[in-house]
């Protein structure tokens, strides 16, 4: 696997503020991976379900912790993620397809343009 692309996985958490309201907090962390476009079949099937698939991201499965937002092209400055484009994860796939991946240590994230993820 190539792993020459840098993306940021964004985790959303909620905390209570001083008056008891839930406040959303985000934390981002960099991950090196392989970013490619989705296959024609993946694009067609997801599009039939109203999704707008954009990329397939392959990484070590140990780098993924269930994040539902991926930022591609952003930068992390002083703990703040700026720039880039955010995508929502609509599907993950763990599996082995080649002998080199026989250990099963990879995961694929399929991401889409999604309303509310900006």
PDB file of N, CA and C in Angstrom:
ATOM      1  N   UNK A   1       0.847  -1.174   0.000  1.00  0.00           N
ATOM      2  CA  UNK A   1       0.000   0.000   0.000  1.00  0.00           C
ATOM      3  C   UNK A   1       0.893   1.237   0.000  1.00  0.00           C
ATOM      4  N   UNK A   2       0.487   2.241  -0.719  1.00  0.00           N
ATOM      5  CA  UNK A   2       1.277   3.442  -0.945  1.00  0.00           C
ATOM      6  C   UNK A   2       1.443   4.307   0.311  1.00  0.00           C
ATOM      7  N   UNK A   3       0.398   4.712   0.966  1.00  0.00           N
ATOM      8  CA  UNK A   3       0.387   5.528   2.193  1.00  0.00           C
ATOM      9  C   UNK A   3       1.181   6.829   2.057  1.00  0.00           C
ATOM     10  N   UNK A   4       1.098   7.481   0.914  1.00  0.00           N
ATOM     11  CA  UNK A   4       1.817   8.738   0.749  1.00  0.00           C
ATOM     12  C   UNK A   4       0.911   9.956   0.921  1.00  0.00           C
ATOM     13  N   UNK A   5      -0.368   9.729   1.139  1.00  0.00           N
ATOM     14  CA  UNK A   5      -1.304  10.835   1.334  1.00  0.00           C
ATOM     15  C   UNK A   5      -1.558  11.051   2.823  1.00  0.00           C
ATOM     16  N   UNK A   6      -1.733  12.293   3.188  1.00  0.00           N
ATOM     17  CA  UNK A   6      -2.016  12.636   4.579  1.00  0.00           C
ATOM     18  C   UNK A   6      -3.452  13.144   4.670  1.00  0.00           C
ATOM     19  N   UNK A   7      -4.254  12.507   5.508  1.00  0.00           N
ATOM     20  CA  UNK A   7      -5.614  12.966   5.787  1.00  0.00           C
ATOM     21  C   UNK A   7      -5.745  13.128   7.295  1.00  0.00           C
ATOM     22  N   UNK A   8      -6.796  13.803   7.706  1.00  0.00           N
ATOM     23  CA  UNK A   8      -7.065  13.975   9.131  1.00  0.00           C
ATOM     24  C   UNK A   8      -8.382  13.297   9.470  1.00  0.00           C
ATOM     25  N   UNK A   9      -8.343  12.432  10.454  1.00  0.00           N
ATOM     26  CA  UNK A   9      -9.556  11.800  10.960  1.00  0.00           C
ATOM     27  C   UNK A   9     -10.095  12.686  12.071  1.00  0.00           C
ATOM     28  N   UNK A  10     -11.370  13.029  11.977  1.00  0.00           N
ATOM     29  CA  UNK A  10     -11.991  13.956  12.920  1.00  0.00           C
ATOM     30  C   UNK A  10     -12.959  13.185  13.806  1.00  0.00           C
ATOM     31  N   UNK A  11     -12.734  13.264  15.102  1.00  0.00           N
ATOM     32  CA  UNK A  11     -13.603  12.613  16.081  1.00  0.00           C
ATOM     33  C   UNK A  11     -14.449  13.674  16.758  1.00  0.00           C
ATOM     34  N   UNK A  12     -15.751  13.412  16.822  1.00  0.00           N
ATOM     35  CA  UNK A  12     -16.671  14.324  17.490  1.00  0.00           C
ATOM     36  C   UNK A  12     -17.039  13.757  18.851  1.00  0.00           C
ATOM     37  N   UNK A  13     -16.956  14.595  19.872  1.00  0.00           N
ATOM     38  CA  UNK A  13     -17.387  14.208  21.209  1.00  0.00           C
ATOM     39  C   UNK A  13     -18.283  15.317  21.749  1.00  0.00           C
ATOM     40  N   UNK A  14     -19.018  15.001  22.790  1.00  0.00           N
ATOM     41  CA  UNK A  14     -19.913  15.984  23.406  1.00  0.00           C
ATOM     42  C   UNK A  14     -19.603  16.074  24.888  1.00  0.00           C
ATOM     43  N   UNK A  15     -19.572  17.304  25.380  1.00  0.00           N
ATOM     44  CA  UNK A  15     -19.315  17.563  26.790  1.00  0.00           C
ATOM     45  C   UNK A  15     -20.392  18.496  27.310  1.00  0.00           C
ATOM     46  N   UNK A  16     -20.599  18.484  28.606  1.00  0.00           N
ATOM     47  CA  UNK A  16     -21.543  19.410  29.217  1.00  0.00           C
ATOM     48  C   UNK A  16     -20.811  20.691  29.599  1.00  0.00           C
ATOM     49  N   UNK A  17     -21.405  21.834  29.265  1.00  0.00           N
ATOM     50  CA  UNK A  17     -20.792  23.098  29.664  1.00  0.00           C
ATOM     51  C   UNK A  17     -21.237  23.462  31.078  1.00  0.00           C
ATOM     52  N   UNK A  18     -20.885  24.673  31.500  1.00  0.00           N
ATOM     53  CA  UNK A  18     -21.139  25.070  32.888  1.00  0.00           C
ATOM     54  C   UNK A  18     -22.624  25.171  33.239  1.00  0.00           C
ATOM     55  N   UNK A  19     -23.504  25.274  32.227  1.00  0.00           N
ATOM     56  CA  UNK A  19     -24.936  25.326  32.542  1.00  0.00           C
ATOM     57  C   UNK A  19     -25.676  24.051  32.136  1.00  0.00           C
ATOM     58  N   UNK A  20     -24.919  22.999  31.825  1.00  0.00           N
ATOM     59  CA  UNK A  20     -25.511  21.694  31.551  1.00  0.00           C
ATOM     60  C   UNK A  20     -25.920  21.438  30.114  1.00  0.00           C
ATOM     61  N   UNK A  21     -25.518  22.288  29.180  1.00  0.00           N
ATOM     62  CA  UNK A  21     -25.830  22.068  27.776  1.00  0.00           C
ATOM     63  C   UNK A  21     -24.749  21.212  27.129  1.00  0.00           C
ATOM     64  N   UNK A  22     -25.187  20.367  26.210  1.00  0.00           N
ATOM     65  CA  UNK A  22     -24.216  19.554  25.461  1.00  0.00           C
ATOM     66  C   UNK A  22     -23.524  20.413  24.415  1.00  0.00           C
ATOM     67  N   UNK A  23     -22.199  20.391  24.435  1.00  0.00           N
ATOM     68  CA  UNK A  23     -21.393  21.165  23.499  1.00  0.00           C
ATOM     69  C   UNK A  23     -20.527  20.192  22.703  1.00  0.00           C
ATOM     70  N   UNK A  24     -20.570  20.344  21.382  1.00  0.00           N
ATOM     71  CA  UNK A  24     -19.783  19.473  20.521  1.00  0.00           C
ATOM     72  C   UNK A  24     -18.331  19.919  20.491  1.00  0.00           C
ATOM     73  N   UNK A  25     -17.420  18.962  20.613  1.00  0.00           N
ATOM     74  CA  UNK A  25     -15.982  19.207  20.508  1.00  0.00           C
ATOM     75  C   UNK A  25     -15.442  18.289  19.414  1.00  0.00           C
ATOM     76  N   UNK A  26     -14.483  18.798  18.670  1.00  0.00           N
ATOM     77  CA  UNK A  26     -13.836  17.996  17.632  1.00  0.00           C
ATOM     78  C   UNK A  26     -12.349  17.910  17.899  1.00  0.00           C
ATOM     79  N   UNK A  27     -11.802  16.750  17.618  1.00  0.00           N
ATOM     80  CA  UNK A  27     -10.356  16.586  17.668  1.00  0.00           C
ATOM     81  C   UNK A  27      -9.938  15.882  16.381  1.00  0.00           C
ATOM     82  N   UNK A  28      -8.816  16.310  15.821  1.00  0.00           N
ATOM     83  CA  UNK A  28      -8.337  15.748  14.565  1.00  0.00           C
ATOM     84  C   UNK A  28      -6.946  15.184  14.759  1.00  0.00           C
ATOM     85  N   UNK A  29      -6.677  14.113  14.028  1.00  0.00           N
ATOM     86  CA  UNK A  29      -5.332  13.530  14.072  1.00  0.00           C
ATOM     87  C   UNK A  29      -4.933  13.090  12.671  1.00  0.00           C
ATOM     88  N   UNK A  30      -3.659  13.261  12.347  1.00  0.00           N
ATOM     89  CA  UNK A  30      -3.195  12.914  11.004  1.00  0.00           C
ATOM     90  C   UNK A  30      -2.989  11.411  10.848  1.00  0.00           C
ATOM     91  N   UNK A  31      -3.257  10.943   9.636  1.00  0.00           N
ATOM     92  CA  UNK A  31      -3.044   9.532   9.299  1.00  0.00           C
ATOM     93  C   UNK A  31      -2.512   9.467   7.867  1.00  0.00           C
ATOM     94  N   UNK A  32      -1.455   8.700   7.661  1.00  0.00           N
ATOM     95  CA  UNK A  32      -0.940   8.474   6.316  1.00  0.00           C
ATOM     96  C   UNK A  32      -1.687   7.300   5.711  1.00  0.00           C
ATOM     97  N   UNK A  33      -2.098   7.459   4.450  1.00  0.00           N
ATOM     98  CA  UNK A  33      -2.945   6.453   3.813  1.00  0.00           C
ATOM     99  C   UNK A  33      -2.809   6.545   2.298  1.00  0.00           C
ATOM    100  N   UNK A  34      -3.624   5.774   1.623  1.00  0.00           N
ATOM    101  CA  UNK A  34      -3.691   5.770   0.168  1.00  0.00           C
ATOM    102  C   UNK A  34      -5.086   6.254  -0.213  1.00  0.00           C
ATOM    103  N   UNK A  35      -5.184   7.374  -0.927  1.00  0.00           N
ATOM    104  CA  UNK A  35      -6.476   7.936  -1.330  1.00  0.00           C
ATOM    105  C   UNK A  35      -6.638   7.732  -2.833  1.00  0.00           C
ATOM    106  N   UNK A  36      -7.721   7.061  -3.219  1.00  0.00           N
ATOM    107  CA  UNK A  36      -8.035   6.845  -4.637  1.00  0.00           C
ATOM    108  C   UNK A  36      -9.517   7.142  -4.855  1.00  0.00           C
ATOM    109  N   UNK A  37      -9.890   7.256  -6.099  1.00  0.00           N
ATOM    110  CA  UNK A  37     -11.308   7.446  -6.401  1.00  0.00           C
ATOM    111  C   UNK A  37     -12.023   6.102  -6.239  1.00  0.00           C
ATOM    112  N   UNK A  38     -13.334   6.161  -6.072  1.00  0.00           N
ATOM    113  CA  UNK A  38     -14.109   4.930  -5.935  1.00  0.00           C
ATOM    114  C   UNK A  38     -14.284   4.300  -7.309  1.00  0.00           C
ATOM    115  N   UNK A  39     -14.558   3.017  -7.325  1.00  0.00           N
ATOM    116  CA  UNK A  39     -14.776   2.316  -8.588  1.00  0.00           C
ATOM    117  C   UNK A  39     -16.115   2.743  -9.184  1.00  0.00           C
ATOM    118  N   UNK A  40     -16.295   2.472 -10.457  1.00  0.00           N
ATOM    119  CA  UNK A  40     -17.558   2.793 -11.114  1.00  0.00           C
ATOM    120  C   UNK A  40     -18.724   2.064 -10.484  1.00  0.00           C
ATOM    121  N   UNK A  41     -18.515   0.823 -10.114  1.00  0.00           N
ATOM    122  CA  UNK A  41     -19.573   0.034  -9.481  1.00  0.00           C
ATOM    123  C   UNK A  41     -19.940   0.619  -8.111  1.00  0.00           C
ATOM    124  N   UNK A  42     -18.946   0.989  -7.327  1.00  0.00           N
ATOM    125  CA  UNK A  42     -19.190   1.596  -6.016  1.00  0.00           C
ATOM    126  C   UNK A  42     -19.943   2.910  -6.188  1.00  0.00           C
ATOM    127  N   UNK A  43     -19.503   3.726  -7.146  1.00  0.00           N
ATOM    128  CA  UNK A  43     -20.163   5.004  -7.391  1.00  0.00           C
ATOM    129  C   UNK A  43     -21.623   4.793  -7.771  1.00  0.00           C
ATOM    130  N   UNK A  44     -21.885   3.851  -8.665  1.00  0.00           N
ATOM    131  CA  UNK A  44     -23.246   3.592  -9.135  1.00  0.00           C
ATOM    132  C   UNK A  44     -24.136   3.089  -8.002  1.00  0.00           C
ATOM    133  N   UNK A  45     -23.664   2.111  -7.229  1.00  0.00           N
ATOM    134  CA  UNK A  45     -24.475   1.549  -6.150  1.00  0.00           C
ATOM    135  C   UNK A  45     -24.759   2.581  -5.056  1.00  0.00           C
ATOM    136  N   UNK A  46     -23.758   3.353  -4.677  1.00  0.00           N
ATOM    137  CA  UNK A  46     -23.957   4.365  -3.639  1.00  0.00           C
ATOM    138  C   UNK A  46     -24.866   5.475  -4.144  1.00  0.00           C
ATOM    139  N   UNK A  47     -24.713   5.836  -5.413  1.00  0.00           N
ATOM    140  CA  UNK A  47     -25.526   6.887  -5.992  1.00  0.00           C
ATOM    141  C   UNK A  47     -26.995   6.486  -6.030  1.00  0.00           C
ATOM    142  N   UNK A  48     -27.269   5.226  -6.249  1.00  0.00           N
ATOM    143  CA  UNK A  48     -28.645   4.732  -6.240  1.00  0.00           C
ATOM    144  C   UNK A  48     -29.291   4.898  -4.868  1.00  0.00           C
ATOM    145  N   UNK A  49     -28.481   4.942  -3.825  1.00  0.00           N
ATOM    146  CA  UNK A  49     -28.995   5.094  -2.464  1.00  0.00           C
ATOM    147  C   UNK A  49     -28.943   6.547  -2.004  1.00  0.00           C
ATOM    148  N   UNK A  50     -28.713   7.473  -2.937  1.00  0.00           N
ATOM    149  CA  UNK A  50     -28.736   8.893  -2.629  1.00  0.00           C
ATOM    150  C   UNK A  50     -27.435   9.439  -2.076  1.00  0.00           C
ATOM    151  N   UNK A  51     -26.345   8.690  -2.167  1.00  0.00           N
ATOM    152  CA  UNK A  51     -25.054   9.146  -1.668  1.00  0.00           C
ATOM    153  C   UNK A  51     -24.240   9.759  -2.802  1.00  0.00           C
ATOM    154  N   UNK A  52     -23.222  10.519  -2.429  1.00  0.00           N
ATOM    155  CA  UNK A  52     -22.329  11.130  -3.408  1.00  0.00           C
ATOM    156  C   UNK A  52     -20.902  10.669  -3.123  1.00  0.00           C
ATOM    157  N   UNK A  53     -20.583   9.420  -3.484  1.00  0.00           N
ATOM    158  CA  UNK A  53     -19.258   8.880  -3.160  1.00  0.00           C
ATOM    159  C   UNK A  53     -18.144   9.628  -3.877  1.00  0.00           C
ATOM    160  N   UNK A  54     -17.029   9.806  -3.141  1.00  0.00           N
ATOM    161  CA  UNK A  54     -15.904  10.543  -3.705  1.00  0.00           C
ATOM    162  C   UNK A  54     -14.603   9.748  -3.708  1.00  0.00           C
ATOM    163  N   UNK A  55     -14.219   9.202  -2.533  1.00  0.00           N
ATOM    164  CA  UNK A  55     -12.908   8.575  -2.425  1.00  0.00           C
ATOM    165  C   UNK A  55     -12.952   7.264  -1.648  1.00  0.00           C
ATOM    166  N   UNK A  56     -11.951   6.442  -1.931  1.00  0.00           N
ATOM    167  CA  UNK A  56     -11.676   5.248  -1.129  1.00  0.00           C
ATOM    168  C   UNK A  56     -10.331   5.518  -0.443  1.00  0.00           C
ATOM    169  N   UNK A  57     -10.316   5.355   0.866  1.00  0.00           N
ATOM    170  CA  UNK A  57      -9.112   5.621   1.651  1.00  0.00           C
ATOM    171  C   UNK A  57      -8.676   4.321   2.306  1.00  0.00           C
ATOM    172  N   UNK A  58      -7.461   3.871   1.976  1.00  0.00           N
ATOM    173  CA  UNK A  58      -6.925   2.637   2.556  1.00  0.00           C
ATOM    174  C   UNK A  58      -5.857   2.990   3.579  1.00  0.00           C
ATOM    175  N   UNK A  59      -5.962   2.386   4.775  1.00  0.00           N
ATOM    176  CA  UNK A  59      -5.011   2.662   5.848  1.00  0.00           C
ATOM    177  C   UNK A  59      -4.892   1.429   6.732  1.00  0.00           C
ATOM    178  N   UNK A  60      -3.936   1.482   7.666  1.00  0.00           N
ATOM    179  CA  UNK A  60      -3.844   0.425   8.656  1.00  0.00           C
ATOM    180  C   UNK A  60      -5.087   0.494   9.536  1.00  0.00           C
ATOM    181  N   UNK A  61      -5.703  -0.639   9.795  1.00  0.00           N
ATOM    182  CA  UNK A  61      -6.937  -0.613  10.577  1.00  0.00           C
ATOM    183  C   UNK A  61      -6.707  -0.147  12.008  1.00  0.00           C
ATOM    184  N   UNK A  62      -5.486  -0.230  12.476  1.00  0.00           N
ATOM    185  CA  UNK A  62      -5.179   0.207  13.840  1.00  0.00           C
ATOM    186  C   UNK A  62      -5.152   1.735  13.950  1.00  0.00           C
ATOM    187  N   UNK A  63      -5.083   2.424  12.799  1.00  0.00           N
ATOM    188  CA  UNK A  63      -5.125   3.883  12.793  1.00  0.00           C
ATOM    189  C   UNK A  63      -6.553   4.418  12.829  1.00  0.00           C
ATOM    190  N   UNK A  64      -7.534   3.548  12.632  1.00  0.00           N
ATOM    191  CA  UNK A  64      -8.925   3.989  12.558  1.00  0.00           C
ATOM    192  C   UNK A  64      -9.649   3.675  13.859  1.00  0.00           C
ATOM    193  N   UNK A  65     -10.341   4.692  14.394  1.00  0.00           N
ATOM    194  CA  UNK A  65     -11.034   4.522  15.667  1.00  0.00           C
ATOM    195  C   UNK A  65     -12.513   4.903  15.555  1.00  0.00           C
ATOM    196  N   UNK A  66     -13.123   4.592  14.419  1.00  0.00           N
ATOM    197  CA  UNK A  66     -14.541   4.833  14.242  1.00  0.00           C
ATOM    198  C   UNK A  66     -14.914   6.259  13.879  1.00  0.00           C
ATOM    199  N   UNK A  67     -13.954   7.087  13.497  1.00  0.00           N
ATOM    200  CA  UNK A  67     -14.262   8.461  13.112  1.00  0.00           C
ATOM    201  C   UNK A  67     -15.201   8.478  11.906  1.00  0.00           C
ATOM    202  N   UNK A  68     -16.103   9.458  11.878  1.00  0.00           N
ATOM    203  CA  UNK A  68     -17.074   9.559  10.793  1.00  0.00           C
ATOM    204  C   UNK A  68     -16.823  10.735   9.861  1.00  0.00           C
ATOM    205  N   UNK A  69     -15.762  11.503  10.130  1.00  0.00           N
ATOM    206  CA  UNK A  69     -15.402  12.634   9.278  1.00  0.00           C
ATOM    207  C   UNK A  69     -13.930  12.521   8.905  1.00  0.00           C
ATOM    208  N   UNK A  70     -13.649  12.764   7.612  1.00  0.00           N
ATOM    209  CA  UNK A  70     -12.281  12.762   7.106  1.00  0.00           C
ATOM    210  C   UNK A  70     -12.032  14.106   6.435  1.00  0.00           C
ATOM    211  N   UNK A  71     -10.925  14.750   6.768  1.00  0.00           N
ATOM    212  CA  UNK A  71     -10.527  16.002   6.143  1.00  0.00           C
ATOM    213  C   UNK A  71      -9.361  15.701   5.204  1.00  0.00           C
ATOM    214  N   UNK A  72      -9.534  16.081   3.948  1.00  0.00           N
ATOM    215  CA  UNK A  72      -8.483  15.875   2.948  1.00  0.00           C
ATOM    216  C   UNK A  72      -7.974  17.239   2.511  1.00  0.00           C
ATOM    217  N   UNK A  73      -6.681  17.461   2.638  1.00  0.00           N
ATOM    218  CA  UNK A  73      -6.058  18.696   2.187  1.00  0.00           C
ATOM    219  C   UNK A  73      -5.943  19.770   3.249  1.00  0.00           C
ATOM    220  N   UNK A  74      -6.351  19.490   4.473  1.00  0.00           N
ATOM    221  CA  UNK A  74      -6.265  20.476   5.538  1.00  0.00           C
ATOM    222  C   UNK A  74      -4.905  20.469   6.213  1.00  0.00           C
ATOM    223  N   UNK A  75      -4.734  21.399   7.155  1.00  0.00           N
ATOM    224  CA  UNK A  75      -3.515  21.453   7.956  1.00  0.00           C
ATOM    225  C   UNK A  75      -3.898  21.615   9.418  1.00  0.00           C
ATOM    226  N   UNK A  76      -3.084  21.059  10.269  1.00  0.00           N
ATOM    227  CA  UNK A  76      -3.301  21.131  11.700  1.00  0.00           C
ATOM    228  C   UNK A  76      -2.313  22.130  12.271  1.00  0.00           C
ATOM    229  N   UNK A  77      -2.823  23.257  12.741  1.00  0.00           N
ATOM    230  CA  UNK A  77      -1.967  24.320  13.271  1.00  0.00           C
ATOM    231  C   UNK A  77      -2.420  24.665  14.676  1.00  0.00           C
ATOM    232  N   UNK A  78      -1.557  24.467  15.635  1.00  0.00           N
ATOM    233  CA  UNK A  78      -1.884  24.787  17.016  1.00  0.00           C
ATOM    234  C   UNK A  78      -3.090  24.022  17.543  1.00  0.00           C
ATOM    235  N   UNK A  79      -3.253  22.789  17.105  1.00  0.00           N
ATOM    236  CA  UNK A  79      -4.374  21.980  17.546  1.00  0.00           C
ATOM    237  C   UNK A  79      -5.672  22.261  16.809  1.00  0.00           C
ATOM    238  N   UNK A  80      -5.655  23.209  15.874  1.00  0.00           N
ATOM    239  CA  UNK A  80      -6.839  23.598  15.115  1.00  0.00           C
ATOM    240  C   UNK A  80      -6.698  23.125  13.668  1.00  0.00           C
ATOM    241  N   UNK A  81      -7.695  22.415  13.167  1.00  0.00           N
ATOM    242  CA  UNK A  81      -7.690  21.936  11.788  1.00  0.00           C
ATOM    243  C   UNK A  81      -8.270  23.022  10.889  1.00  0.00           C
ATOM    244  N   UNK A  82      -7.489  23.444   9.899  1.00  0.00           N
ATOM    245  CA  UNK A  82      -7.942  24.493   8.991  1.00  0.00           C
ATOM    246  C   UNK A  82      -7.806  24.040   7.554  1.00  0.00           C
ATOM    247  N   UNK A  83      -8.675  24.576   6.707  1.00  0.00           N
ATOM    248  CA  UNK A  83      -8.608  24.304   5.276  1.00  0.00           C
ATOM    249  C   UNK A  83      -9.017  22.895   4.922  1.00  0.00           C
ATOM    250  N   UNK A  84      -8.776  22.549   3.696  1.00  0.00           N
ATOM    251  CA  UNK A  84      -9.108  21.231   3.202  1.00  0.00           C
ATOM    252  C   UNK A  84     -10.596  21.064   2.964  1.00  0.00           C
ATOM    253  N   UNK A  85     -10.979  19.853   2.709  1.00  0.00           N
ATOM    254  CA  UNK A  85     -12.378  19.521   2.443  1.00  0.00           C
ATOM    255  C   UNK A  85     -12.775  18.367   3.331  1.00  0.00           C
ATOM    256  N   UNK A  86     -13.957  18.445   3.912  1.00  0.00           N
ATOM    257  CA  UNK A  86     -14.430  17.412   4.833  1.00  0.00           C
ATOM    258  C   UNK A  86     -15.425  16.494   4.126  1.00  0.00           C
ATOM    259  N   UNK A  87     -15.291  15.205   4.430  1.00  0.00           N
ATOM    260  CA  UNK A  87     -16.163  14.189   3.855  1.00  0.00           C
ATOM    261  C   UNK A  87     -16.685  13.300   4.971  1.00  0.00           C
ATOM    262  N   UNK A  88     -17.868  12.745   4.759  1.00  0.00           N
ATOM    263  CA  UNK A  88     -18.446  11.816   5.710  1.00  0.00           C
ATOM    264  C   UNK A  88     -18.138  10.375   5.311  1.00  0.00           C
ATOM    265  N   UNK A  89     -17.838   9.528   6.280  1.00  0.00           N
ATOM    266  CA  UNK A  89     -17.599   8.108   6.022  1.00  0.00           C
ATOM    267  C   UNK A  89     -18.958   7.425   5.938  1.00  0.00           C
ATOM    268  N   UNK A  90     -19.250   6.786   4.808  1.00  0.00           N
ATOM    269  CA  UNK A  90     -20.523   6.092   4.680  1.00  0.00           C
ATOM    270  C   UNK A  90     -20.383   4.577   4.727  1.00  0.00           C
ATOM    271  N   UNK A  91     -19.158   4.085   4.605  1.00  0.00           N
ATOM    272  CA  UNK A  91     -18.966   2.631   4.634  1.00  0.00           C
ATOM    273  C   UNK A  91     -17.507   2.322   4.911  1.00  0.00           C
ATOM    274  N   UNK A  92     -17.269   1.236   5.627  1.00  0.00           N
ATOM    275  CA  UNK A  92     -15.908   0.740   5.830  1.00  0.00           C
ATOM    276  C   UNK A  92     -15.854  -0.695   5.350  1.00  0.00           C
ATOM    277  N   UNK A  93     -14.651  -1.136   5.009  1.00  0.00           N
ATOM    278  CA  UNK A  93     -14.475  -2.517   4.563  1.00  0.00           C
ATOM    279  C   UNK A  93     -13.142  -3.024   5.098  1.00  0.00           C
ATOM    280  N   UNK A  94     -13.195  -4.149   5.791  1.00  0.00           N
ATOM    281  CA  UNK A  94     -11.983  -4.833   6.232  1.00  0.00           C
ATOM    282  C   UNK A  94     -11.932  -6.159   5.507  1.00  0.00           C
ATOM    283  N   UNK A  95     -10.816  -6.446   4.934  1.00  0.00           N
ATOM    284  CA  UNK A  95     -10.695  -7.714   4.239  1.00  0.00           C
ATOM    285  C   UNK A  95      -9.339  -7.849   3.599  1.00  0.00           C
ATOM    286  N   UNK A  96      -9.104  -9.009   3.072  1.00  0.00           N
ATOM    287  CA  UNK A  96      -7.841  -9.255   2.393  1.00  0.00           C
ATOM    288  C   UNK A  96      -8.154  -9.691   0.975  1.00  0.00           C
ATOM    289  N   UNK A  97      -7.444  -9.098   0.042  1.00  0.00           N
ATOM    290  CA  UNK A  97      -7.654  -9.449  -1.359  1.00  0.00           C
ATOM    291  C   UNK A  97      -6.387  -9.941  -2.036  1.00  0.00           C
ATOM    292  N   UNK A  98      -5.261  -9.641  -1.448  1.00  0.00           N
ATOM    293  CA  UNK A  98      -4.006 -10.071  -2.051  1.00  0.00           C
ATOM    294  C   UNK A  98      -3.176 -10.809  -1.010  1.00  0.00           C
ATOM    295  N   UNK A  99      -2.253 -11.588  -1.462  1.00  0.00           N
ATOM    296  CA  UNK A  99      -1.402 -12.356  -0.547  1.00  0.00           C
ATOM    297  C   UNK A  99      -0.617 -11.426   0.374  1.00  0.00           C
ATOM    298  N   UNK A 100      -0.197 -10.270  -0.123  1.00  0.00           N
ATOM    299  CA  UNK A 100       0.582  -9.329   0.693  1.00  0.00           C
ATOM    300  C   UNK A 100      -0.255  -8.785   1.843  1.00  0.00           C
ATOM    301  N   UNK A 101      -1.572  -8.824   1.709  1.00  0.00           N
ATOM    302  CA  UNK A 101      -2.448  -8.316   2.755  1.00  0.00           C
ATOM    303  C   UNK A 101      -3.024  -9.439   3.608  1.00  0.00           C
ATOM    304  N   UNK A 102      -2.402 -10.595   3.566  1.00  0.00           N
ATOM    305  CA  UNK A 102      -2.941 -11.771   4.248  1.00  0.00           C
ATOM    306  C   UNK A 102      -3.078 -11.576   5.755  1.00  0.00           C
ATOM    307  N   UNK A 103      -2.329 -10.633   6.318  1.00  0.00           N
ATOM    308  CA  UNK A 103      -2.444 -10.390   7.760  1.00  0.00           C
ATOM    309  C   UNK A 103      -3.763  -9.710   8.096  1.00  0.00           C
ATOM    310  N   UNK A 104      -4.408  -9.094   7.127  1.00  0.00           N
ATOM    311  CA  UNK A 104      -5.672  -8.418   7.361  1.00  0.00           C
ATOM    312  C   UNK A 104      -5.538  -7.163   8.194  1.00  0.00           C
ATOM    313  N   UNK A 105      -4.463  -6.409   7.985  1.00  0.00           N
ATOM    314  CA  UNK A 105      -4.230  -5.226   8.811  1.00  0.00           C
ATOM    315  C   UNK A 105      -4.628  -3.926   8.116  1.00  0.00           C
ATOM    316  N   UNK A 106      -5.478  -4.004   7.096  1.00  0.00           N
ATOM    317  CA  UNK A 106      -5.912  -2.810   6.381  1.00  0.00           C
ATOM    318  C   UNK A 106      -7.417  -2.626   6.495  1.00  0.00           C
ATOM    319  N   UNK A 107      -7.840  -1.381   6.381  1.00  0.00           N
ATOM    320  CA  UNK A 107      -9.254  -1.046   6.331  1.00  0.00           C
ATOM    321  C   UNK A 107      -9.439  -0.029   5.214  1.00  0.00           C
ATOM    322  N   UNK A 108     -10.581  -0.085   4.569  1.00  0.00           N
ATOM    323  CA  UNK A 108     -10.928   0.887   3.545  1.00  0.00           C
ATOM    324  C   UNK A 108     -12.083   1.725   4.066  1.00  0.00           C
ATOM    325  N   UNK A 109     -11.960   3.036   3.926  1.00  0.00           N
ATOM    326  CA  UNK A 109     -13.041   3.953   4.258  1.00  0.00           C
ATOM    327  C   UNK A 109     -13.572   4.511   2.946  1.00  0.00           C
ATOM    328  N   UNK A 110     -14.868   4.498   2.793  1.00  0.00           N
ATOM    329  CA  UNK A 110     -15.500   5.097   1.629  1.00  0.00           C
ATOM    330  C   UNK A 110     -16.166   6.379   2.094  1.00  0.00           C
ATOM    331  N   UNK A 111     -15.789   7.502   1.459  1.00  0.00           N
ATOM    332  CA  UNK A 111     -16.263   8.797   1.933  1.00  0.00           C
ATOM    333  C   UNK A 111     -17.080   9.492   0.838  1.00  0.00           C
ATOM    334  N   UNK A 112     -17.993  10.349   1.299  1.00  0.00           N
ATOM    335  CA  UNK A 112     -18.894  11.041   0.400  1.00  0.00           C
ATOM    336  C   UNK A 112     -18.997  12.511   0.778  1.00  0.00           C
ATOM    337  N   UNK A 113     -19.420  13.308  -0.193  1.00  0.00           N
ATOM    338  CA  UNK A 113     -19.821  14.674   0.103  1.00  0.00           C
ATOM    339  C   UNK A 113     -21.148  14.559   0.815  1.00  0.00           C
ATOM    340  N   UNK A 114     -21.274  15.245   1.928  1.00  0.00           N
ATOM    341  CA  UNK A 114     -22.439  15.062   2.772  1.00  0.00           C
ATOM    342  C   UNK A 114     -22.904  16.390   3.322  1.00  0.00           C
ATOM    343  N   UNK A 115     -24.200  16.627   3.288  1.00  0.00           N
ATOM    344  CA  UNK A 115     -24.747  17.843   3.878  1.00  0.00           C
ATOM    345  C   UNK A 115     -24.490  17.832   5.379  1.00  0.00           C
ATOM    346  N   UNK A 116     -24.127  18.957   5.924  1.00  0.00           N
ATOM    347  CA  UNK A 116     -23.866  19.042   7.358  1.00  0.00           C
ATOM    348  C   UNK A 116     -22.436  18.737   7.745  1.00  0.00           C
ATOM    349  N   UNK A 117     -21.626  18.248   6.811  1.00  0.00           N
ATOM    350  CA  UNK A 117     -20.212  17.997   7.072  1.00  0.00           C
ATOM    351  C   UNK A 117     -19.444  19.055   6.300  1.00  0.00           C
ATOM    352  N   UNK A 118     -19.138  20.148   6.980  1.00  0.00           N
ATOM    353  CA  UNK A 118     -18.439  21.232   6.287  1.00  0.00           C
ATOM    354  C   UNK A 118     -17.309  21.756   7.130  1.00  0.00           C
TER     355      UNK A 118
END
